[in-house]
């Protein structure tokens, strides 16, 4: 088996660099997303049959 020298193999360097960058971006994406679920906030509303009339 032939030993690959990293200094003389531009294609191998490019592939390793691309893999490292993609791995770093993937890890940043995974750790930056908030995976915790939070209890949703429920508001309270009043339902009217009709709009109230303002007395003068």
PDB file of N, CA and C in Angstrom:
ATOM      1  N   UNK A   1       0.830  -1.178   0.000  1.00  0.00           N
ATOM      2  CA  UNK A   1       0.000   0.000   0.000  1.00  0.00           C
ATOM      3  C   UNK A   1       0.876   1.244   0.000  1.00  0.00           C
ATOM      4  N   UNK A   2       0.521   2.171  -0.838  1.00  0.00           N
ATOM      5  CA  UNK A   2       1.321   3.378  -0.997  1.00  0.00           C
ATOM      6  C   UNK A   2       0.972   4.386   0.099  1.00  0.00           C
ATOM      7  N   UNK A   3       2.000   4.956   0.750  1.00  0.00           N
ATOM      8  CA  UNK A   3       1.795   5.954   1.788  1.00  0.00           C
ATOM      9  C   UNK A   3       1.577   7.326   1.148  1.00  0.00           C
ATOM     10  N   UNK A   4       0.478   7.980   1.509  1.00  0.00           N
ATOM     11  CA  UNK A   4       0.173   9.290   0.951  1.00  0.00           C
ATOM     12  C   UNK A   4       0.813  10.376   1.797  1.00  0.00           C
ATOM     13  N   UNK A   5       1.592  11.226   1.144  1.00  0.00           N
ATOM     14  CA  UNK A   5       2.182  12.348   1.848  1.00  0.00           C
ATOM     15  C   UNK A   5       1.246  13.535   1.727  1.00  0.00           C
ATOM     16  N   UNK A   6       0.939  14.144   2.846  1.00  0.00           N
ATOM     17  CA  UNK A   6      -0.008  15.244   2.880  1.00  0.00           C
ATOM     18  C   UNK A   6       0.556  16.503   2.230  1.00  0.00           C
ATOM     19  N   UNK A   7       1.860  16.714   2.314  1.00  0.00           N
ATOM     20  CA  UNK A   7       2.455  17.934   1.767  1.00  0.00           C
ATOM     21  C   UNK A   7       2.363  17.994   0.245  1.00  0.00           C
ATOM     22  N   UNK A   8       2.431  16.864  -0.411  1.00  0.00           N
ATOM     23  CA  UNK A   8       2.485  16.842  -1.870  1.00  0.00           C
ATOM     24  C   UNK A   8       1.148  16.487  -2.509  1.00  0.00           C
ATOM     25  N   UNK A   9       0.119  16.265  -1.745  1.00  0.00           N
ATOM     26  CA  UNK A   9      -1.147  15.835  -2.309  1.00  0.00           C
ATOM     27  C   UNK A   9      -2.201  16.925  -2.090  1.00  0.00           C
ATOM     28  N   UNK A  10      -2.360  17.775  -3.101  1.00  0.00           N
ATOM     29  CA  UNK A  10      -3.284  18.905  -2.995  1.00  0.00           C
ATOM     30  C   UNK A  10      -4.739  18.445  -2.907  1.00  0.00           C
ATOM     31  N   UNK A  11      -5.078  17.389  -3.625  1.00  0.00           N
ATOM     32  CA  UNK A  11      -6.467  16.906  -3.610  1.00  0.00           C
ATOM     33  C   UNK A  11      -6.843  16.375  -2.228  1.00  0.00           C
ATOM     34  N   UNK A  12      -5.936  15.662  -1.585  1.00  0.00           N
ATOM     35  CA  UNK A  12      -6.183  15.148  -0.243  1.00  0.00           C
ATOM     36  C   UNK A  12      -6.315  16.292   0.748  1.00  0.00           C
ATOM     37  N   UNK A  13      -5.470  17.312   0.622  1.00  0.00           N
ATOM     38  CA  UNK A  13      -5.559  18.476   1.504  1.00  0.00           C
ATOM     39  C   UNK A  13      -6.900  19.178   1.344  1.00  0.00           C
ATOM     40  N   UNK A  14      -7.350  19.342   0.108  1.00  0.00           N
ATOM     41  CA  UNK A  14      -8.627  20.007  -0.150  1.00  0.00           C
ATOM     42  C   UNK A  14      -9.788  19.197   0.418  1.00  0.00           C
ATOM     43  N   UNK A  15      -9.749  17.893   0.246  1.00  0.00           N
ATOM     44  CA  UNK A  15     -10.821  17.039   0.772  1.00  0.00           C
ATOM     45  C   UNK A  15     -10.858  17.051   2.296  1.00  0.00           C
ATOM     46  N   UNK A  16      -9.704  16.987   2.942  1.00  0.00           N
ATOM     47  CA  UNK A  16      -9.659  17.020   4.399  1.00  0.00           C
ATOM     48  C   UNK A  16     -10.121  18.372   4.934  1.00  0.00           C
ATOM     49  N   UNK A  17      -9.720  19.459   4.274  1.00  0.00           N
ATOM     50  CA  UNK A  17     -10.144  20.795   4.688  1.00  0.00           C
ATOM     51  C   UNK A  17     -11.663  20.943   4.534  1.00  0.00           C
ATOM     52  N   UNK A  18     -12.195  20.480   3.425  1.00  0.00           N
ATOM     53  CA  UNK A  18     -13.640  20.552   3.200  1.00  0.00           C
ATOM     54  C   UNK A  18     -14.396  19.736   4.244  1.00  0.00           C
ATOM     55  N   UNK A  19     -13.899  18.556   4.561  1.00  0.00           N
ATOM     56  CA  UNK A  19     -14.530  17.720   5.584  1.00  0.00           C
ATOM     57  C   UNK A  19     -14.494  18.407   6.945  1.00  0.00           C
ATOM     58  N   UNK A  20     -13.367  19.004   7.295  1.00  0.00           N
ATOM     59  CA  UNK A  20     -13.240  19.672   8.594  1.00  0.00           C
ATOM     60  C   UNK A  20     -14.187  20.865   8.691  1.00  0.00           C
ATOM     61  N   UNK A  21     -14.305  21.656   7.635  1.00  0.00           N
ATOM     62  CA  UNK A  21     -15.195  22.811   7.637  1.00  0.00           C
ATOM     63  C   UNK A  21     -16.648  22.365   7.746  1.00  0.00           C
ATOM     64  N   UNK A  22     -17.028  21.354   6.984  1.00  0.00           N
ATOM     65  CA  UNK A  22     -18.407  20.864   7.053  1.00  0.00           C
ATOM     66  C   UNK A  22     -18.725  20.275   8.437  1.00  0.00           C
ATOM     67  N   UNK A  23     -17.794  19.584   9.023  1.00  0.00           N
ATOM     68  CA  UNK A  23     -17.984  19.036  10.363  1.00  0.00           C
ATOM     69  C   UNK A  23     -18.150  20.168  11.384  1.00  0.00           C
ATOM     70  N   UNK A  24     -17.334  21.204  11.268  1.00  0.00           N
ATOM     71  CA  UNK A  24     -17.439  22.338  12.186  1.00  0.00           C
ATOM     72  C   UNK A  24     -18.786  23.032  12.032  1.00  0.00           C
ATOM     73  N   UNK A  25     -19.229  23.263  10.810  1.00  0.00           N
ATOM     74  CA  UNK A  25     -20.525  23.903  10.586  1.00  0.00           C
ATOM     75  C   UNK A  25     -21.668  23.045  11.120  1.00  0.00           C
ATOM     76  N   UNK A  26     -21.577  21.752  10.929  1.00  0.00           N
ATOM     77  CA  UNK A  26     -22.599  20.839  11.440  1.00  0.00           C
ATOM     78  C   UNK A  26     -22.661  20.902  12.963  1.00  0.00           C
ATOM     79  N   UNK A  27     -21.513  20.908  13.626  1.00  0.00           N
ATOM     80  CA  UNK A  27     -21.492  20.967  15.085  1.00  0.00           C
ATOM     81  C   UNK A  27     -22.033  22.300  15.588  1.00  0.00           C
ATOM     82  N   UNK A  28     -21.713  23.386  14.922  1.00  0.00           N
ATOM     83  CA  UNK A  28     -22.257  24.697  15.308  1.00  0.00           C
ATOM     84  C   UNK A  28     -23.771  24.688  15.157  1.00  0.00           C
ATOM     85  N   UNK A  29     -24.262  24.110  14.073  1.00  0.00           N
ATOM     86  CA  UNK A  29     -25.711  24.036  13.864  1.00  0.00           C
ATOM     87  C   UNK A  29     -26.388  23.218  14.969  1.00  0.00           C
ATOM     88  N   UNK A  30     -25.816  22.099  15.334  1.00  0.00           N
ATOM     89  CA  UNK A  30     -26.409  21.221  16.342  1.00  0.00           C
ATOM     90  C   UNK A  30     -26.455  21.909  17.705  1.00  0.00           C
ATOM     91  N   UNK A  31     -25.368  22.574  18.086  1.00  0.00           N
ATOM     92  CA  UNK A  31     -25.308  23.169  19.419  1.00  0.00           C
ATOM     93  C   UNK A  31     -25.982  24.527  19.504  1.00  0.00           C
ATOM     94  N   UNK A  32     -26.269  25.165  18.385  1.00  0.00           N
ATOM     95  CA  UNK A  32     -26.902  26.480  18.434  1.00  0.00           C
ATOM     96  C   UNK A  32     -28.424  26.393  18.463  1.00  0.00           C
ATOM     97  N   UNK A  33     -28.986  25.265  18.106  1.00  0.00           N
ATOM     98  CA  UNK A  33     -30.443  25.108  18.112  1.00  0.00           C
ATOM     99  C   UNK A  33     -30.898  24.806  19.533  1.00  0.00           C
ATOM    100  N   UNK A  34     -31.971  25.491  19.984  1.00  0.00           N
ATOM    101  CA  UNK A  34     -32.505  25.217  21.316  1.00  0.00           C
ATOM    102  C   UNK A  34     -33.386  23.982  21.264  1.00  0.00           C
ATOM    103  N   UNK A  35     -32.897  22.872  21.765  1.00  0.00           N
ATOM    104  CA  UNK A  35     -33.627  21.609  21.689  1.00  0.00           C
ATOM    105  C   UNK A  35     -34.582  21.422  22.850  1.00  0.00           C
ATOM    106  N   UNK A  36     -34.571  22.339  23.812  1.00  0.00           N
ATOM    107  CA  UNK A  36     -35.445  22.188  24.977  1.00  0.00           C
ATOM    108  C   UNK A  36     -36.850  22.640  24.613  1.00  0.00           C
ATOM    109  N   UNK A  37     -37.819  21.869  25.068  1.00  0.00           N
ATOM    110  CA  UNK A  37     -39.200  22.258  24.841  1.00  0.00           C
ATOM    111  C   UNK A  37     -39.690  23.050  26.040  1.00  0.00           C
ATOM    112  N   UNK A  38     -40.395  24.117  25.767  1.00  0.00           N
ATOM    113  CA  UNK A  38     -40.914  24.972  26.823  1.00  0.00           C
ATOM    114  C   UNK A  38     -42.432  24.906  26.810  1.00  0.00           C
ATOM    115  N   UNK A  39     -43.027  25.094  27.978  1.00  0.00           N
ATOM    116  CA  UNK A  39     -44.478  25.098  28.079  1.00  0.00           C
ATOM    117  C   UNK A  39     -45.001  26.360  27.391  1.00  0.00           C
ATOM    118  N   UNK A  40     -45.934  26.209  26.460  1.00  0.00           N
ATOM    119  CA  UNK A  40     -46.431  27.395  25.756  1.00  0.00           C
ATOM    120  C   UNK A  40     -47.237  28.290  26.686  1.00  0.00           C
ATOM    121  N   UNK A  41     -47.197  29.585  26.404  1.00  0.00           N
ATOM    122  CA  UNK A  41     -47.954  30.561  27.187  1.00  0.00           C
ATOM    123  C   UNK A  41     -49.347  30.685  26.586  1.00  0.00           C
ATOM    124  N   UNK A  42     -50.350  30.519  27.431  1.00  0.00           N
ATOM    125  CA  UNK A  42     -51.720  30.658  26.968  1.00  0.00           C
ATOM    126  C   UNK A  42     -52.296  31.955  27.514  1.00  0.00           C
ATOM    127  N   UNK A  43     -52.820  32.790  26.629  1.00  0.00           N
ATOM    128  CA  UNK A  43     -53.442  34.035  27.045  1.00  0.00           C
ATOM    129  C   UNK A  43     -54.908  33.829  27.354  1.00  0.00           C
ATOM    130  N   UNK A  44     -55.508  34.805  27.998  1.00  0.00           N
ATOM    131  CA  UNK A  44     -56.915  34.723  28.350  1.00  0.00           C
ATOM    132  C   UNK A  44     -57.653  35.836  27.607  1.00  0.00           C
ATOM    133  N   UNK A  45     -58.805  35.511  27.033  1.00  0.00           N
ATOM    134  CA  UNK A  45     -59.600  36.496  26.297  1.00  0.00           C
ATOM    135  C   UNK A  45     -61.046  36.460  26.774  1.00  0.00           C
ATOM    136  N   UNK A  46     -61.731  37.567  26.553  1.00  0.00           N
ATOM    137  CA  UNK A  46     -63.167  37.623  26.834  1.00  0.00           C
ATOM    138  C   UNK A  46     -63.909  37.573  25.510  1.00  0.00           C
ATOM    139  N   UNK A  47     -64.947  36.760  25.449  1.00  0.00           N
ATOM    140  CA  UNK A  47     -65.758  36.676  24.247  1.00  0.00           C
ATOM    141  C   UNK A  47     -67.084  37.391  24.496  1.00  0.00           C
ATOM    142  N   UNK A  48     -67.426  38.337  23.628  1.00  0.00           N
ATOM    143  CA  UNK A  48     -68.666  39.099  23.758  1.00  0.00           C
ATOM    144  C   UNK A  48     -69.631  38.684  22.661  1.00  0.00           C
ATOM    145  N   UNK A  49     -70.923  38.769  22.966  1.00  0.00           N
ATOM    146  CA  UNK A  49     -71.933  38.505  21.939  1.00  0.00           C
ATOM    147  C   UNK A  49     -71.985  39.644  20.928  1.00  0.00           C
ATOM    148  N   UNK A  50     -71.820  40.875  21.425  1.00  0.00           N
ATOM    149  CA  UNK A  50     -71.817  42.038  20.537  1.00  0.00           C
ATOM    150  C   UNK A  50     -70.887  43.092  21.129  1.00  0.00           C
ATOM    151  N   UNK A  51     -70.603  44.076  20.310  1.00  0.00           N
ATOM    152  CA  UNK A  51     -69.738  45.157  20.755  1.00  0.00           C
ATOM    153  C   UNK A  51     -70.497  46.013  21.754  1.00  0.00           C
ATOM    154  N   UNK A  52     -69.926  46.346  22.905  1.00  0.00           N
ATOM    155  CA  UNK A  52     -70.625  47.169  23.883  1.00  0.00           C
ATOM    156  C   UNK A  52     -70.880  48.588  23.345  1.00  0.00           C
ATOM    157  N   UNK A  53     -72.045  49.127  23.712  1.00  0.00           N
ATOM    158  CA  UNK A  53     -72.432  50.471  23.263  1.00  0.00           C
ATOM    159  C   UNK A  53     -72.014  51.459  24.340  1.00  0.00           C
ATOM    160  N   UNK A  54     -71.389  52.534  23.904  1.00  0.00           N
ATOM    161  CA  UNK A  54     -70.931  53.546  24.828  1.00  0.00           C
ATOM    162  C   UNK A  54     -72.074  54.501  25.148  1.00  0.00           C
ATOM    163  N   UNK A  55     -72.391  54.727  26.413  1.00  0.00           N
ATOM    164  CA  UNK A  55     -73.468  55.633  26.812  1.00  0.00           C
ATOM    165  C   UNK A  55     -72.939  57.049  26.911  1.00  0.00           C
ATOM    166  N   UNK A  56     -73.762  58.006  26.446  1.00  0.00           N
ATOM    167  CA  UNK A  56     -73.350  59.406  26.501  1.00  0.00           C
ATOM    168  C   UNK A  56     -73.803  60.084  27.755  1.00  0.00           C
TER     169      UNK A  56
END
